[in-house]
Amino acid sequence: MEILRRIAVFLMFIGFGSVILYFMEYSFRIISWLDEYQPFAGGAIGALGVVLMVITVVAAKKPAPAQMPVPPQA
């Protein structure tokens, strides 16, 4: 789950960062091919990162399955 969380943070940084940079007339090189679709593409990438982060948080809070008690041996 740690890898998925790091990917989520990266997507949020790149996505929401590109929205902010769009208004300052800059862009990240990694998504410069999406400049025509900014700021909506950046918002979508950031939102995808948020969804992945929520998935990792929910998956981490799942309770462990109940174990069957072992009967005592005679």
Protein backbone atom coordinates (compact mmCIF):
# COMPACT_ATOMS: atom_id res chain seq x y z
CA MET A 1 0.00 0.00 0.00
CA GLU A 2 2.96 2.31 0.52
CA ILE A 3 3.71 2.38 -3.22
CA LEU A 4 0.10 3.27 -4.02
CA ARG A 5 0.19 6.05 -1.45
CA ARG A 6 3.38 7.49 -2.99
CA ILE A 7 1.82 7.38 -6.46
CA ALA A 8 -1.25 9.18 -5.09
CA VAL A 9 0.88 11.94 -3.56
CA PHE A 10 2.82 12.29 -6.80
CA LEU A 11 -0.38 12.58 -8.86
CA MET A 12 -1.84 15.16 -6.47
CA PHE A 13 1.38 17.20 -6.57
CA ILE A 14 1.66 17.12 -10.36
CA GLY A 15 -2.07 17.63 -10.95
CA PHE A 16 -2.84 20.42 -8.53
CA GLY A 17 0.60 21.95 -9.03
CA SER A 18 -0.02 22.18 -12.76
CA VAL A 19 -3.30 23.98 -12.12
CA ILE A 20 -1.51 26.58 -10.01
CA LEU A 21 1.35 26.90 -12.51
CA TYR A 22 -1.13 27.30 -15.37
CA PHE A 23 -2.30 30.60 -13.91
CA MET A 24 1.33 31.75 -13.62
CA GLU A 25 1.93 30.71 -17.26
CA TYR A 26 4.34 27.90 -16.38
CA SER A 27 4.02 24.13 -16.67
CA PHE A 28 5.66 20.92 -15.56
CA ARG A 29 7.58 19.31 -18.40
CA ILE A 30 6.20 15.89 -17.56
CA ILE A 31 2.69 16.96 -18.53
CA SER A 32 3.50 19.79 -20.93
CA TRP A 33 1.75 17.83 -23.68
CA LEU A 34 -1.51 18.57 -21.82
CA ASP A 35 -1.06 22.36 -21.83
CA GLU A 36 -3.91 22.71 -24.31
CA TYR A 37 -6.30 21.10 -21.82
CA GLN A 38 -5.21 22.89 -18.66
CA PRO A 39 -6.41 23.58 -15.97
CA PHE A 40 -9.00 20.79 -16.33
CA ALA A 41 -6.45 18.06 -17.06
CA GLY A 42 -4.41 19.01 -14.01
CA GLY A 43 -7.51 18.99 -11.85
CA ALA A 44 -8.43 15.54 -13.15
CA ILE A 45 -4.94 14.19 -12.43
CA GLY A 46 -5.04 15.67 -8.93
CA ALA A 47 -8.50 14.24 -8.34
CA LEU A 48 -7.24 10.81 -9.42
CA GLY A 49 -4.51 11.16 -6.81
CA VAL A 50 -7.11 12.00 -4.15
CA VAL A 51 -9.16 8.93 -5.11
CA LEU A 52 -6.08 6.70 -4.85
CA MET A 53 -5.25 8.20 -1.45
CA VAL A 54 -8.78 7.53 -0.19
CA ILE A 55 -8.51 3.93 -1.41
CA THR A 56 -5.25 3.42 0.50
CA VAL A 57 -6.68 4.94 3.68
CA VAL A 58 -9.84 2.83 3.52
CA ALA A 59 -7.86 -0.33 2.76
CA ALA A 60 -5.53 0.34 5.69
CA LYS A 61 -8.48 0.70 8.10
CA LYS A 62 -10.05 -2.62 7.15
CA PRO A 63 -10.34 -4.80 10.24
CA ALA A 64 -8.47 -8.06 10.17
CA PRO A 65 -10.70 -11.06 9.54
CA ALA A 66 -11.81 -12.78 12.73
CA GLN A 67 -9.89 -15.94 13.44
CA MET A 68 -11.64 -19.09 14.52
CA PRO A 69 -10.78 -20.07 18.09
CA VAL A 70 -8.69 -23.19 18.36
CA PRO A 71 -10.43 -25.83 20.51
CA PRO A 72 -8.32 -27.13 23.40
CA GLN A 73 -6.81 -30.54 22.84
CA ALA A 74 -7.41 -33.23 25.41
